[in-house]
mmCIF file of all heavy atoms, coordinates in Angstrom:
data_MODEL
# 
_entry.id   MODEL 
# 
loop_
_atom_site.group_PDB 
_atom_site.id 
_atom_site.type_symbol 
_atom_site.label_atom_id 
_atom_site.label_alt_id 
_atom_site.label_comp_id 
_atom_site.label_asym_id 
_atom_site.label_entity_id 
_atom_site.label_seq_id 
_atom_site.pdbx_PDB_ins_code 
_atom_site.Cartn_x 
_atom_site.Cartn_y 
_atom_site.Cartn_z 
_atom_site.occupancy 
_atom_site.B_iso_or_equiv 
_atom_site.pdbx_formal_charge 
_atom_site.auth_seq_id 
_atom_site.auth_comp_id 
_atom_site.auth_asym_id 
_atom_site.auth_atom_id 
_atom_site.pdbx_PDB_model_num 
ATOM 1   N N   . THR A 1 1  ? 11.277  0.170   9.311  1.00 0.00 ? 1  THR A N   1 
ATOM 2   C CA  . THR A 1 1  ? 12.770  -0.060  9.049  1.00 0.00 ? 1  THR A CA  1 
ATOM 3   C C   . THR A 1 1  ? 12.888  0.352   7.551  1.00 0.00 ? 1  THR A C   1 
ATOM 4   O O   . THR A 1 1  ? 13.979  0.998   7.246  1.00 0.00 ? 1  THR A O   1 
ATOM 5   C CB  . THR A 1 1  ? 13.016  -1.502  9.286  1.00 0.00 ? 1  THR A CB  1 
ATOM 6   O OG1 . THR A 1 1  ? 12.810  -1.843  10.687 1.00 0.00 ? 1  THR A OG1 1 
ATOM 7   C CG2 . THR A 1 1  ? 14.499  -1.745  9.003  1.00 0.00 ? 1  THR A CG2 1 
ATOM 8   N N   . VAL A 1 2  ? 12.026  -0.056  6.725  1.00 0.00 ? 2  VAL A N   1 
ATOM 9   C CA  . VAL A 1 2  ? 12.234  0.254   5.285  1.00 0.00 ? 2  VAL A CA  1 
ATOM 10  C C   . VAL A 1 2  ? 12.092  1.689   5.089  1.00 0.00 ? 2  VAL A C   1 
ATOM 11  O O   . VAL A 1 2  ? 12.971  2.328   4.394  1.00 0.00 ? 2  VAL A O   1 
ATOM 12  C CB  . VAL A 1 2  ? 11.200  -0.479  4.422  1.00 0.00 ? 2  VAL A CB  1 
ATOM 13  C CG1 . VAL A 1 2  ? 11.173  -0.032  2.977  1.00 0.00 ? 2  VAL A CG1 1 
ATOM 14  C CG2 . VAL A 1 2  ? 11.333  -1.979  4.530  1.00 0.00 ? 2  VAL A CG2 1 
ATOM 15  N N   . LEU A 1 3  ? 11.088  2.387   5.728  1.00 0.00 ? 3  LEU A N   1 
ATOM 16  C CA  . LEU A 1 3  ? 10.891  3.754   5.524  1.00 0.00 ? 3  LEU A CA  1 
ATOM 17  C C   . LEU A 1 3  ? 11.996  4.652   6.084  1.00 0.00 ? 3  LEU A C   1 
ATOM 18  O O   . LEU A 1 3  ? 12.361  5.748   5.498  1.00 0.00 ? 3  LEU A O   1 
ATOM 19  C CB  . LEU A 1 3  ? 9.582   4.225   6.208  1.00 0.00 ? 3  LEU A CB  1 
ATOM 20  C CG  . LEU A 1 3  ? 8.250   3.822   5.562  1.00 0.00 ? 3  LEU A CG  1 
ATOM 21  C CD1 . LEU A 1 3  ? 7.144   4.129   6.483  1.00 0.00 ? 3  LEU A CD1 1 
ATOM 22  C CD2 . LEU A 1 3  ? 8.021   4.544   4.279  1.00 0.00 ? 3  LEU A CD2 1 
ATOM 23  N N   . ALA A 1 4  ? 12.780  4.179   7.083  1.00 0.00 ? 4  ALA A N   1 
ATOM 24  C CA  . ALA A 1 4  ? 13.888  4.927   7.647  1.00 0.00 ? 4  ALA A CA  1 
ATOM 25  C C   . ALA A 1 4  ? 14.993  5.008   6.549  1.00 0.00 ? 4  ALA A C   1 
ATOM 26  O O   . ALA A 1 4  ? 15.668  5.993   6.586  1.00 0.00 ? 4  ALA A O   1 
ATOM 27  C CB  . ALA A 1 4  ? 14.368  4.161   8.834  1.00 0.00 ? 4  ALA A CB  1 
ATOM 28  N N   . LYS A 1 5  ? 15.062  4.067   5.770  1.00 0.00 ? 5  LYS A N   1 
ATOM 29  C CA  . LYS A 1 5  ? 16.190  4.147   4.720  1.00 0.00 ? 5  LYS A CA  1 
ATOM 30  C C   . LYS A 1 5  ? 15.570  4.536   3.265  1.00 0.00 ? 5  LYS A C   1 
ATOM 31  O O   . LYS A 1 5  ? 16.301  5.193   2.509  1.00 0.00 ? 5  LYS A O   1 
ATOM 32  C CB  . LYS A 1 5  ? 16.711  2.655   4.550  1.00 0.00 ? 5  LYS A CB  1 
ATOM 33  C CG  . LYS A 1 5  ? 17.992  2.650   3.739  1.00 0.00 ? 5  LYS A CG  1 
ATOM 34  C CD  . LYS A 1 5  ? 18.785  1.327   3.796  1.00 0.00 ? 5  LYS A CD  1 
ATOM 35  C CE  . LYS A 1 5  ? 20.064  1.394   3.145  1.00 0.00 ? 5  LYS A CE  1 
ATOM 36  N NZ  . LYS A 1 5  ? 20.756  0.093   3.235  1.00 0.00 ? 5  LYS A NZ  1 
ATOM 37  N N   . TYR A 1 6  ? 14.272  4.221   3.054  1.00 0.00 ? 6  TYR A N   1 
ATOM 38  C CA  . TYR A 1 6  ? 13.746  4.595   1.706  1.00 0.00 ? 6  TYR A CA  1 
ATOM 39  C C   . TYR A 1 6  ? 12.439  5.342   1.952  1.00 0.00 ? 6  TYR A C   1 
ATOM 40  O O   . TYR A 1 6  ? 11.430  4.674   1.895  1.00 0.00 ? 6  TYR A O   1 
ATOM 41  C CB  . TYR A 1 6  ? 13.523  3.353   0.918  1.00 0.00 ? 6  TYR A CB  1 
ATOM 42  C CG  . TYR A 1 6  ? 14.732  2.458   0.729  1.00 0.00 ? 6  TYR A CG  1 
ATOM 43  C CD1 . TYR A 1 6  ? 14.828  1.271   1.497  1.00 0.00 ? 6  TYR A CD1 1 
ATOM 44  C CD2 . TYR A 1 6  ? 15.755  2.798   -0.046 1.00 0.00 ? 6  TYR A CD2 1 
ATOM 45  C CE1 . TYR A 1 6  ? 15.902  0.434   1.450  1.00 0.00 ? 6  TYR A CE1 1 
ATOM 46  C CE2 . TYR A 1 6  ? 16.898  1.988   -0.186 1.00 0.00 ? 6  TYR A CE2 1 
ATOM 47  C CZ  . TYR A 1 6  ? 16.926  0.839   0.536  1.00 0.00 ? 6  TYR A CZ  1 
ATOM 48  O OH  . TYR A 1 6  ? 18.045  0.032   0.433  1.00 0.00 ? 6  TYR A OH  1 
ATOM 49  N N   . PRO A 1 7  ? 12.413  6.548   2.264  1.00 0.00 ? 7  PRO A N   1 
ATOM 50  C CA  . PRO A 1 7  ? 11.134  7.268   2.578  1.00 0.00 ? 7  PRO A CA  1 
ATOM 51  C C   . PRO A 1 7  ? 10.118  7.292   1.433  1.00 0.00 ? 7  PRO A C   1 
ATOM 52  O O   . PRO A 1 7  ? 8.928   7.285   1.817  1.00 0.00 ? 7  PRO A O   1 
ATOM 53  C CB  . PRO A 1 7  ? 11.675  8.767   2.906  1.00 0.00 ? 7  PRO A CB  1 
ATOM 54  C CG  . PRO A 1 7  ? 13.084  8.643   3.177  1.00 0.00 ? 7  PRO A CG  1 
ATOM 55  C CD  . PRO A 1 7  ? 13.582  7.445   2.423  1.00 0.00 ? 7  PRO A CD  1 
ATOM 56  N N   . TYR A 1 8  ? 10.548  7.148   0.238  1.00 0.00 ? 8  TYR A N   1 
ATOM 57  C CA  . TYR A 1 8  ? 9.537   7.211   -0.861 1.00 0.00 ? 8  TYR A CA  1 
ATOM 58  C C   . TYR A 1 8  ? 8.686   5.940   -0.757 1.00 0.00 ? 8  TYR A C   1 
ATOM 59  O O   . TYR A 1 8  ? 7.577   5.981   -1.445 1.00 0.00 ? 8  TYR A O   1 
ATOM 60  C CB  . TYR A 1 8  ? 10.237  7.282   -2.127 1.00 0.00 ? 8  TYR A CB  1 
ATOM 61  C CG  . TYR A 1 8  ? 11.192  6.055   -2.386 1.00 0.00 ? 8  TYR A CG  1 
ATOM 62  C CD1 . TYR A 1 8  ? 10.695  4.798   -2.917 1.00 0.00 ? 8  TYR A CD1 1 
ATOM 63  C CD2 . TYR A 1 8  ? 12.587  6.129   -2.176 1.00 0.00 ? 8  TYR A CD2 1 
ATOM 64  C CE1 . TYR A 1 8  ? 11.491  3.789   -3.174 1.00 0.00 ? 8  TYR A CE1 1 
ATOM 65  C CE2 . TYR A 1 8  ? 13.358  5.043   -2.375 1.00 0.00 ? 8  TYR A CE2 1 
ATOM 66  C CZ  . TYR A 1 8  ? 12.889  3.860   -2.909 1.00 0.00 ? 8  TYR A CZ  1 
ATOM 67  O OH  . TYR A 1 8  ? 13.632  2.796   -3.109 1.00 0.00 ? 8  TYR A OH  1 
ATOM 68  N N   . TYR A 1 9  ? 9.088   4.922   -0.027 1.00 0.00 ? 9  TYR A N   1 
ATOM 69  C CA  . TYR A 1 9  ? 8.302   3.659   0.041  1.00 0.00 ? 9  TYR A CA  1 
ATOM 70  C C   . TYR A 1 9  ? 6.892   3.936   0.727  1.00 0.00 ? 9  TYR A C   1 
ATOM 71  O O   . TYR A 1 9  ? 5.979   3.117   0.688  1.00 0.00 ? 9  TYR A O   1 
ATOM 72  C CB  . TYR A 1 9  ? 9.032   2.604   0.915  1.00 0.00 ? 9  TYR A CB  1 
ATOM 73  C CG  . TYR A 1 9  ? 8.484   1.170   0.591  1.00 0.00 ? 9  TYR A CG  1 
ATOM 74  C CD1 . TYR A 1 9  ? 8.877   0.507   -0.502 1.00 0.00 ? 9  TYR A CD1 1 
ATOM 75  C CD2 . TYR A 1 9  ? 7.803   0.581   1.596  1.00 0.00 ? 9  TYR A CD2 1 
ATOM 76  C CE1 . TYR A 1 9  ? 8.415   -0.802  -0.745 1.00 0.00 ? 9  TYR A CE1 1 
ATOM 77  C CE2 . TYR A 1 9  ? 7.291   -0.703  1.341  1.00 0.00 ? 9  TYR A CE2 1 
ATOM 78  C CZ  . TYR A 1 9  ? 7.669   -1.407  0.239  1.00 0.00 ? 9  TYR A CZ  1 
ATOM 79  O OH  . TYR A 1 9  ? 7.215   -2.637  0.000  1.00 0.00 ? 9  TYR A OH  1 
ATOM 80  N N   . LEU A 1 10 ? 6.818   5.091   1.344  1.00 0.00 ? 10 LEU A N   1 
ATOM 81  C CA  . LEU A 1 10 ? 5.466   5.473   1.988  1.00 0.00 ? 10 LEU A CA  1 
ATOM 82  C C   . LEU A 1 10 ? 4.309   5.393   0.896  1.00 0.00 ? 10 LEU A C   1 
ATOM 83  O O   . LEU A 1 10 ? 3.199   5.116   1.279  1.00 0.00 ? 10 LEU A O   1 
ATOM 84  C CB  . LEU A 1 10 ? 5.571   6.971   2.630  1.00 0.00 ? 10 LEU A CB  1 
ATOM 85  C CG  . LEU A 1 10 ? 4.448   7.410   3.381  1.00 0.00 ? 10 LEU A CG  1 
ATOM 86  C CD1 . LEU A 1 10 ? 4.231   6.544   4.622  1.00 0.00 ? 10 LEU A CD1 1 
ATOM 87  C CD2 . LEU A 1 10 ? 4.545   8.818   3.702  1.00 0.00 ? 10 LEU A CD2 1 
ATOM 88  N N   . VAL A 1 11 ? 4.585   5.721   -0.395 1.00 0.00 ? 11 VAL A N   1 
ATOM 89  C CA  . VAL A 1 11 ? 3.570   5.703   -1.313 1.00 0.00 ? 11 VAL A CA  1 
ATOM 90  C C   . VAL A 1 11 ? 2.958   4.263   -1.531 1.00 0.00 ? 11 VAL A C   1 
ATOM 91  O O   . VAL A 1 11 ? 1.758   4.104   -1.763 1.00 0.00 ? 11 VAL A O   1 
ATOM 92  C CB  . VAL A 1 11 ? 4.067   6.142   -2.813 1.00 0.00 ? 11 VAL A CB  1 
ATOM 93  C CG1 . VAL A 1 11 ? 4.481   7.666   -2.683 1.00 0.00 ? 11 VAL A CG1 1 
ATOM 94  C CG2 . VAL A 1 11 ? 5.133   5.258   -3.331 1.00 0.00 ? 11 VAL A CG2 1 
ATOM 95  N N   . ASN A 1 12 ? 3.788   3.261   -1.331 1.00 0.00 ? 12 ASN A N   1 
ATOM 96  C CA  . ASN A 1 12 ? 3.286   1.893   -1.306 1.00 0.00 ? 12 ASN A CA  1 
ATOM 97  C C   . ASN A 1 12 ? 2.279   1.617   -0.138 1.00 0.00 ? 12 ASN A C   1 
ATOM 98  O O   . ASN A 1 12 ? 1.283   1.016   -0.345 1.00 0.00 ? 12 ASN A O   1 
ATOM 99  C CB  . ASN A 1 12 ? 4.438   0.898   -1.168 1.00 0.00 ? 12 ASN A CB  1 
ATOM 100 C CG  . ASN A 1 12 ? 5.276   0.899   -2.380 1.00 0.00 ? 12 ASN A CG  1 
ATOM 101 O OD1 . ASN A 1 12 ? 4.894   0.284   -3.436 1.00 0.00 ? 12 ASN A OD1 1 
ATOM 102 N ND2 . ASN A 1 12 ? 6.485   1.551   -2.323 1.00 0.00 ? 12 ASN A ND2 1 
ATOM 103 N N   . ILE A 1 13 ? 2.576   2.137   0.970  1.00 0.00 ? 13 ILE A N   1 
ATOM 104 C CA  . ILE A 1 13 ? 1.803   1.914   2.153  1.00 0.00 ? 13 ILE A CA  1 
ATOM 105 C C   . ILE A 1 13 ? 0.506   2.710   2.225  1.00 0.00 ? 13 ILE A C   1 
ATOM 106 O O   . ILE A 1 13 ? -0.524  2.233   2.583  1.00 0.00 ? 13 ILE A O   1 
ATOM 107 C CB  . ILE A 1 13 ? 2.617   2.244   3.476  1.00 0.00 ? 13 ILE A CB  1 
ATOM 108 C CG1 . ILE A 1 13 ? 3.900   1.382   3.478  1.00 0.00 ? 13 ILE A CG1 1 
ATOM 109 C CG2 . ILE A 1 13 ? 1.833   2.026   4.797  1.00 0.00 ? 13 ILE A CG2 1 
ATOM 110 C CD1 . ILE A 1 13 ? 4.918   2.017   4.509  1.00 0.00 ? 13 ILE A CD1 1 
ATOM 111 N N   . VAL A 1 14 ? 0.588   3.922   1.764  1.00 0.00 ? 14 VAL A N   1 
ATOM 112 C CA  . VAL A 1 14 ? -0.542  4.889   1.868  1.00 0.00 ? 14 VAL A CA  1 
ATOM 113 C C   . VAL A 1 14 ? -1.388  4.909   0.611  1.00 0.00 ? 14 VAL A C   1 
ATOM 114 O O   . VAL A 1 14 ? -2.556  5.305   0.713  1.00 0.00 ? 14 VAL A O   1 
ATOM 115 C CB  . VAL A 1 14 ? 0.027   6.318   2.187  1.00 0.00 ? 14 VAL A CB  1 
ATOM 116 C CG1 . VAL A 1 14 ? -1.115  7.309   2.278  1.00 0.00 ? 14 VAL A CG1 1 
ATOM 117 C CG2 . VAL A 1 14 ? 0.641   6.287   3.620  1.00 0.00 ? 14 VAL A CG2 1 
ATOM 118 N N   . ILE A 1 15 ? -0.819  4.577   -0.500 1.00 0.00 ? 15 ILE A N   1 
ATOM 119 C CA  . ILE A 1 15 ? -1.580  4.715   -1.766 1.00 0.00 ? 15 ILE A CA  1 
ATOM 120 C C   . ILE A 1 15 ? -1.785  3.320   -2.428 1.00 0.00 ? 15 ILE A C   1 
ATOM 121 O O   . ILE A 1 15 ? -2.892  2.792   -2.611 1.00 0.00 ? 15 ILE A O   1 
ATOM 122 C CB  . ILE A 1 15 ? -0.918  5.665   -2.745 1.00 0.00 ? 15 ILE A CB  1 
ATOM 123 C CG1 . ILE A 1 15 ? -0.897  7.059   -2.223 1.00 0.00 ? 15 ILE A CG1 1 
ATOM 124 C CG2 . ILE A 1 15 ? -1.612  5.684   -4.100 1.00 0.00 ? 15 ILE A CG2 1 
ATOM 125 C CD1 . ILE A 1 15 ? -0.129  8.014   -2.994 1.00 0.00 ? 15 ILE A CD1 1 
ATOM 126 N N   . PHE A 1 16 ? -0.591  2.634   -2.721 1.00 0.00 ? 16 PHE A N   1 
ATOM 127 C CA  . PHE A 1 16 ? -0.768  1.461   -3.732 1.00 0.00 ? 16 PHE A CA  1 
ATOM 128 C C   . PHE A 1 16 ? -1.391  0.348   -2.934 1.00 0.00 ? 16 PHE A C   1 
ATOM 129 O O   . PHE A 1 16 ? -2.294  -0.417  -3.401 1.00 0.00 ? 16 PHE A O   1 
ATOM 130 C CB  . PHE A 1 16 ? 0.650   1.032   -4.101 1.00 0.00 ? 16 PHE A CB  1 
ATOM 131 C CG  . PHE A 1 16 ? 1.191   2.140   -5.002 1.00 0.00 ? 16 PHE A CG  1 
ATOM 132 C CD1 . PHE A 1 16 ? 2.651   2.234   -5.053 1.00 0.00 ? 16 PHE A CD1 1 
ATOM 133 C CD2 . PHE A 1 16 ? 0.476   2.999   -5.774 1.00 0.00 ? 16 PHE A CD2 1 
ATOM 134 C CE1 . PHE A 1 16 ? 3.223   3.169   -5.926 1.00 0.00 ? 16 PHE A CE1 1 
ATOM 135 C CE2 . PHE A 1 16 ? 1.058   3.951   -6.549 1.00 0.00 ? 16 PHE A CE2 1 
ATOM 136 C CZ  . PHE A 1 16 ? 2.491   4.108   -6.565 1.00 0.00 ? 16 PHE A CZ  1 
ATOM 137 N N   . ALA A 1 17 ? -0.917  0.026   -1.639 1.00 0.00 ? 17 ALA A N   1 
ATOM 138 C CA  . ALA A 1 17 ? -1.461  -1.213  -0.923 1.00 0.00 ? 17 ALA A CA  1 
ATOM 139 C C   . ALA A 1 17 ? -3.018  -0.999  -0.662 1.00 0.00 ? 17 ALA A C   1 
ATOM 140 O O   . ALA A 1 17 ? -3.777  -1.943  -0.897 1.00 0.00 ? 17 ALA A O   1 
ATOM 141 C CB  . ALA A 1 17 ? -0.759  -1.332  0.419  1.00 0.00 ? 17 ALA A CB  1 
ATOM 142 N N   . PRO A 1 18 ? -3.399  0.189   -0.183 1.00 0.00 ? 18 PRO A N   1 
ATOM 143 C CA  . PRO A 1 18 ? -4.940  0.245   -0.007 1.00 0.00 ? 18 PRO A CA  1 
ATOM 144 C C   . PRO A 1 18 ? -5.678  0.028   -1.259 1.00 0.00 ? 18 PRO A C   1 
ATOM 145 O O   . PRO A 1 18 ? -6.800  -0.575  -1.208 1.00 0.00 ? 18 PRO A O   1 
ATOM 146 C CB  . PRO A 1 18 ? -5.054  1.748   0.578  1.00 0.00 ? 18 PRO A CB  1 
ATOM 147 C CG  . PRO A 1 18 ? -3.671  2.027   1.246  1.00 0.00 ? 18 PRO A CG  1 
ATOM 148 C CD  . PRO A 1 18 ? -2.695  1.343   0.371  1.00 0.00 ? 18 PRO A CD  1 
ATOM 149 N N   . ILE A 1 19 ? -5.237  0.645   -2.374 1.00 0.00 ? 19 ILE A N   1 
ATOM 150 C CA  . ILE A 1 19 ? -6.004  0.470   -3.566 1.00 0.00 ? 19 ILE A CA  1 
ATOM 151 C C   . ILE A 1 19 ? -6.094  -0.957  -4.011 1.00 0.00 ? 19 ILE A C   1 
ATOM 152 O O   . ILE A 1 19 ? -7.231  -1.511  -4.305 1.00 0.00 ? 19 ILE A O   1 
ATOM 153 C CB  . ILE A 1 19 ? -5.305  1.332   -4.769 1.00 0.00 ? 19 ILE A CB  1 
ATOM 154 C CG1 . ILE A 1 19 ? -5.488  2.790   -4.460 1.00 0.00 ? 19 ILE A CG1 1 
ATOM 155 C CG2 . ILE A 1 19 ? -5.939  0.880   -6.156 1.00 0.00 ? 19 ILE A CG2 1 
ATOM 156 C CD1 . ILE A 1 19 ? -4.688  3.653   -5.522 1.00 0.00 ? 19 ILE A CD1 1 
ATOM 157 N N   . MET A 1 20 ? -4.998  -1.610  -4.041 1.00 0.00 ? 20 MET A N   1 
ATOM 158 C CA  . MET A 1 20 ? -5.019  -3.020  -4.448 1.00 0.00 ? 20 MET A CA  1 
ATOM 159 C C   . MET A 1 20 ? -5.824  -3.958  -3.454 1.00 0.00 ? 20 MET A C   1 
ATOM 160 O O   . MET A 1 20 ? -6.555  -4.894  -3.848 1.00 0.00 ? 20 MET A O   1 
ATOM 161 C CB  . MET A 1 20 ? -3.533  -3.570  -4.700 1.00 0.00 ? 20 MET A CB  1 
ATOM 162 C CG  . MET A 1 20 ? -2.895  -2.977  -5.947 1.00 0.00 ? 20 MET A CG  1 
ATOM 163 S SD  . MET A 1 20 ? -1.368  -3.877  -6.357 1.00 0.00 ? 20 MET A SD  1 
ATOM 164 C CE  . MET A 1 20 ? -0.293  -3.371  -5.095 1.00 0.00 ? 20 MET A CE  1 
ATOM 165 N N   . GLU A 1 21 ? -5.595  -3.708  -2.209 1.00 0.00 ? 21 GLU A N   1 
ATOM 166 C CA  . GLU A 1 21 ? -6.259  -4.528  -1.201 1.00 0.00 ? 21 GLU A CA  1 
ATOM 167 C C   . GLU A 1 21 ? -7.764  -4.322  -1.287 1.00 0.00 ? 21 GLU A C   1 
ATOM 168 O O   . GLU A 1 21 ? -8.535  -5.168  -1.045 1.00 0.00 ? 21 GLU A O   1 
ATOM 169 C CB  . GLU A 1 21 ? -5.656  -4.233  0.222  1.00 0.00 ? 21 GLU A CB  1 
ATOM 170 C CG  . GLU A 1 21 ? -4.258  -4.797  0.358  1.00 0.00 ? 21 GLU A CG  1 
ATOM 171 C CD  . GLU A 1 21 ? -3.701  -4.506  1.714  1.00 0.00 ? 21 GLU A CD  1 
ATOM 172 O OE1 . GLU A 1 21 ? -4.416  -3.801  2.448  1.00 0.00 ? 21 GLU A OE1 1 
ATOM 173 O OE2 . GLU A 1 21 ? -2.547  -4.918  1.984  1.00 0.00 ? 21 GLU A OE2 1 
ATOM 174 N N   . GLU A 1 22 ? -8.169  -3.095  -1.430 1.00 0.00 ? 22 GLU A N   1 
ATOM 175 C CA  . GLU A 1 22 ? -9.602  -2.818  -1.480 1.00 0.00 ? 22 GLU A CA  1 
ATOM 176 C C   . GLU A 1 22 ? -10.318 -3.443  -2.744 1.00 0.00 ? 22 GLU A C   1 
ATOM 177 O O   . GLU A 1 22 ? -11.422 -3.967  -2.764 1.00 0.00 ? 22 GLU A O   1 
ATOM 178 C CB  . GLU A 1 22 ? -9.985  -1.307  -1.430 1.00 0.00 ? 22 GLU A CB  1 
ATOM 179 C CG  . GLU A 1 22 ? -9.631  -0.686  -0.028 1.00 0.00 ? 22 GLU A CG  1 
ATOM 180 C CD  . GLU A 1 22 ? -10.111 -1.435  1.055  1.00 0.00 ? 22 GLU A CD  1 
ATOM 181 O OE1 . GLU A 1 22 ? -11.350 -1.751  1.177  1.00 0.00 ? 22 GLU A OE1 1 
ATOM 182 O OE2 . GLU A 1 22 ? -9.323  -1.823  1.991  1.00 0.00 ? 22 GLU A OE2 1 
ATOM 183 N N   . PHE A 1 23 ? -9.609  -3.441  -3.831 1.00 0.00 ? 23 PHE A N   1 
ATOM 184 C CA  . PHE A 1 23 ? -10.103 -4.040  -5.087 1.00 0.00 ? 23 PHE A CA  1 
ATOM 185 C C   . PHE A 1 23 ? -10.307 -5.533  -4.768 1.00 0.00 ? 23 PHE A C   1 
ATOM 186 O O   . PHE A 1 23 ? -11.288 -6.105  -5.221 1.00 0.00 ? 23 PHE A O   1 
ATOM 187 C CB  . PHE A 1 23 ? -9.184  -3.770  -6.230 1.00 0.00 ? 23 PHE A CB  1 
ATOM 188 C CG  . PHE A 1 23 ? -9.577  -2.677  -7.103 1.00 0.00 ? 23 PHE A CG  1 
ATOM 189 C CD1 . PHE A 1 23 ? -8.954  -1.442  -7.016 1.00 0.00 ? 23 PHE A CD1 1 
ATOM 190 C CD2 . PHE A 1 23 ? -10.636 -2.709  -8.011 1.00 0.00 ? 23 PHE A CD2 1 
ATOM 191 C CE1 . PHE A 1 23 ? -9.304  -0.373  -7.787 1.00 0.00 ? 23 PHE A CE1 1 
ATOM 192 C CE2 . PHE A 1 23 ? -11.000 -1.681  -8.778 1.00 0.00 ? 23 PHE A CE2 1 
ATOM 193 C CZ  . PHE A 1 23 ? -10.352 -0.490  -8.677 1.00 0.00 ? 23 PHE A CZ  1 
ATOM 194 N N   . VAL A 1 24 ? -9.299  -6.195  -4.148 1.00 0.00 ? 24 VAL A N   1 
ATOM 195 C CA  . VAL A 1 24 ? -9.346  -7.600  -3.917 1.00 0.00 ? 24 VAL A CA  1 
ATOM 196 C C   . VAL A 1 24 ? -10.255 -8.001  -2.901 1.00 0.00 ? 24 VAL A C   1 
ATOM 197 O O   . VAL A 1 24 ? -11.134 -8.759  -3.034 1.00 0.00 ? 24 VAL A O   1 
ATOM 198 C CB  . VAL A 1 24 ? -7.964  -8.081  -3.661 1.00 0.00 ? 24 VAL A CB  1 
ATOM 199 C CG1 . VAL A 1 24 ? -8.035  -9.586  -3.217 1.00 0.00 ? 24 VAL A CG1 1 
ATOM 200 C CG2 . VAL A 1 24 ? -7.003  -7.986  -4.884 1.00 0.00 ? 24 VAL A CG2 1 
ATOM 201 N N   . PHE A 1 25 ? -10.106 -7.393  -1.664 1.00 0.00 ? 25 PHE A N   1 
ATOM 202 C CA  . PHE A 1 25 ? -10.788 -7.910  -0.461 1.00 0.00 ? 25 PHE A CA  1 
ATOM 203 C C   . PHE A 1 25 ? -12.180 -7.269  -0.335 1.00 0.00 ? 25 PHE A C   1 
ATOM 204 O O   . PHE A 1 25 ? -13.084 -7.915  0.215  1.00 0.00 ? 25 PHE A O   1 
ATOM 205 C CB  . PHE A 1 25 ? -9.976  -7.628  0.776  1.00 0.00 ? 25 PHE A CB  1 
ATOM 206 C CG  . PHE A 1 25 ? -8.718  -8.468  0.889  1.00 0.00 ? 25 PHE A CG  1 
ATOM 207 C CD1 . PHE A 1 25 ? -7.484  -7.916  0.548  1.00 0.00 ? 25 PHE A CD1 1 
ATOM 208 C CD2 . PHE A 1 25 ? -8.766  -9.765  1.189  1.00 0.00 ? 25 PHE A CD2 1 
ATOM 209 C CE1 . PHE A 1 25 ? -6.348  -8.589  0.519  1.00 0.00 ? 25 PHE A CE1 1 
ATOM 210 C CE2 . PHE A 1 25 ? -7.576  -10.584 1.252  1.00 0.00 ? 25 PHE A CE2 1 
ATOM 211 C CZ  . PHE A 1 25 ? -6.325  -9.980  0.894  1.00 0.00 ? 25 PHE A CZ  1 
ATOM 212 N N   . ARG A 1 26 ? -12.422 -6.094  -0.869 1.00 0.00 ? 26 ARG A N   1 
ATOM 213 C CA  . ARG A 1 26 ? -13.748 -5.517  -0.772 1.00 0.00 ? 26 ARG A CA  1 
ATOM 214 C C   . ARG A 1 26 ? -14.476 -5.576  -2.009 1.00 0.00 ? 26 ARG A C   1 
ATOM 215 O O   . ARG A 1 26 ? -15.731 -6.011  -2.141 1.00 0.00 ? 26 ARG A O   1 
ATOM 216 C CB  . ARG A 1 26 ? -13.666 -4.042  -0.336 1.00 0.00 ? 26 ARG A CB  1 
ATOM 217 C CG  . ARG A 1 26 ? -14.064 -3.756  1.109  1.00 0.00 ? 26 ARG A CG  1 
ATOM 218 C CD  . ARG A 1 26 ? -13.256 -4.598  2.129  1.00 0.00 ? 26 ARG A CD  1 
ATOM 219 N NE  . ARG A 1 26 ? -11.847 -4.193  2.285  1.00 0.00 ? 26 ARG A NE  1 
ATOM 220 C CZ  . ARG A 1 26 ? -10.960 -4.816  2.982  1.00 0.00 ? 26 ARG A CZ  1 
ATOM 221 N NH1 . ARG A 1 26 ? -11.268 -5.880  3.664  1.00 0.00 ? 26 ARG A NH1 1 
ATOM 222 N NH2 . ARG A 1 26 ? -9.683  -4.413  2.987  1.00 0.00 ? 26 ARG A NH2 1 
ATOM 223 N N   . LYS A 1 27 ? -13.926 -5.385  -3.165 1.00 0.00 ? 27 LYS A N   1 
ATOM 224 C CA  . LYS A 1 27 ? -14.601 -5.481  -4.491 1.00 0.00 ? 27 LYS A CA  1 
ATOM 225 C C   . LYS A 1 27 ? -14.923 -6.927  -4.842 1.00 0.00 ? 27 LYS A C   1 
ATOM 226 O O   . LYS A 1 27 ? -16.037 -7.328  -5.161 1.00 0.00 ? 27 LYS A O   1 
ATOM 227 C CB  . LYS A 1 27 ? -13.678 -4.817  -5.525 1.00 0.00 ? 27 LYS A CB  1 
ATOM 228 C CG  . LYS A 1 27 ? -14.367 -4.925  -6.987 1.00 0.00 ? 27 LYS A CG  1 
ATOM 229 C CD  . LYS A 1 27 ? -15.540 -4.092  -7.168 1.00 0.00 ? 27 LYS A CD  1 
ATOM 230 C CE  . LYS A 1 27 ? -16.008 -4.058  -8.626 1.00 0.00 ? 27 LYS A CE  1 
ATOM 231 N NZ  . LYS A 1 27 ? -17.468 -3.518  -8.668 1.00 0.00 ? 27 LYS A NZ  1 
ATOM 232 N N   . VAL A 1 28 ? -13.893 -7.794  -4.843 1.00 0.00 ? 28 VAL A N   1 
ATOM 233 C CA  . VAL A 1 28 ? -14.030 -9.232  -5.248 1.00 0.00 ? 28 VAL A CA  1 
ATOM 234 C C   . VAL A 1 28 ? -14.486 -10.088 -4.098 1.00 0.00 ? 28 VAL A C   1 
ATOM 235 O O   . VAL A 1 28 ? -15.606 -10.683 -4.227 1.00 0.00 ? 28 VAL A O   1 
ATOM 236 C CB  . VAL A 1 28 ? -12.733 -9.721  -5.822 1.00 0.00 ? 28 VAL A CB  1 
ATOM 237 C CG1 . VAL A 1 28 ? -12.769 -11.197 -6.116 1.00 0.00 ? 28 VAL A CG1 1 
ATOM 238 C CG2 . VAL A 1 28 ? -12.329 -8.967  -7.065 1.00 0.00 ? 28 VAL A CG2 1 
ATOM 239 N N   . LEU A 1 29 ? -13.744 -10.225 -3.015 1.00 0.00 ? 29 LEU A N   1 
ATOM 240 C CA  . LEU A 1 29 ? -14.027 -11.158 -1.981 1.00 0.00 ? 29 LEU A CA  1 
ATOM 241 C C   . LEU A 1 29 ? -15.242 -10.767 -1.064 1.00 0.00 ? 29 LEU A C   1 
ATOM 242 O O   . LEU A 1 29 ? -15.704 -11.682 -0.316 1.00 0.00 ? 29 LEU A O   1 
ATOM 243 C CB  . LEU A 1 29 ? -12.774 -11.462 -1.159 1.00 0.00 ? 29 LEU A CB  1 
ATOM 244 C CG  . LEU A 1 29 ? -11.608 -12.071 -1.828 1.00 0.00 ? 29 LEU A CG  1 
ATOM 245 C CD1 . LEU A 1 29 ? -10.393 -12.178 -0.988 1.00 0.00 ? 29 LEU A CD1 1 
ATOM 246 C CD2 . LEU A 1 29 ? -11.964 -13.430 -2.574 1.00 0.00 ? 29 LEU A CD2 1 
# 
C-alpha cells in the first residue's frame, strides 16, 4: 500500500531494513 503511493520507499524494504535487521538479529543476538 505504501509502495503504491511512494515507490521510493522500496529502498527501506530492500536496503535499509535488511542491513539494520542483520546487524541486530544476526550480529548481536
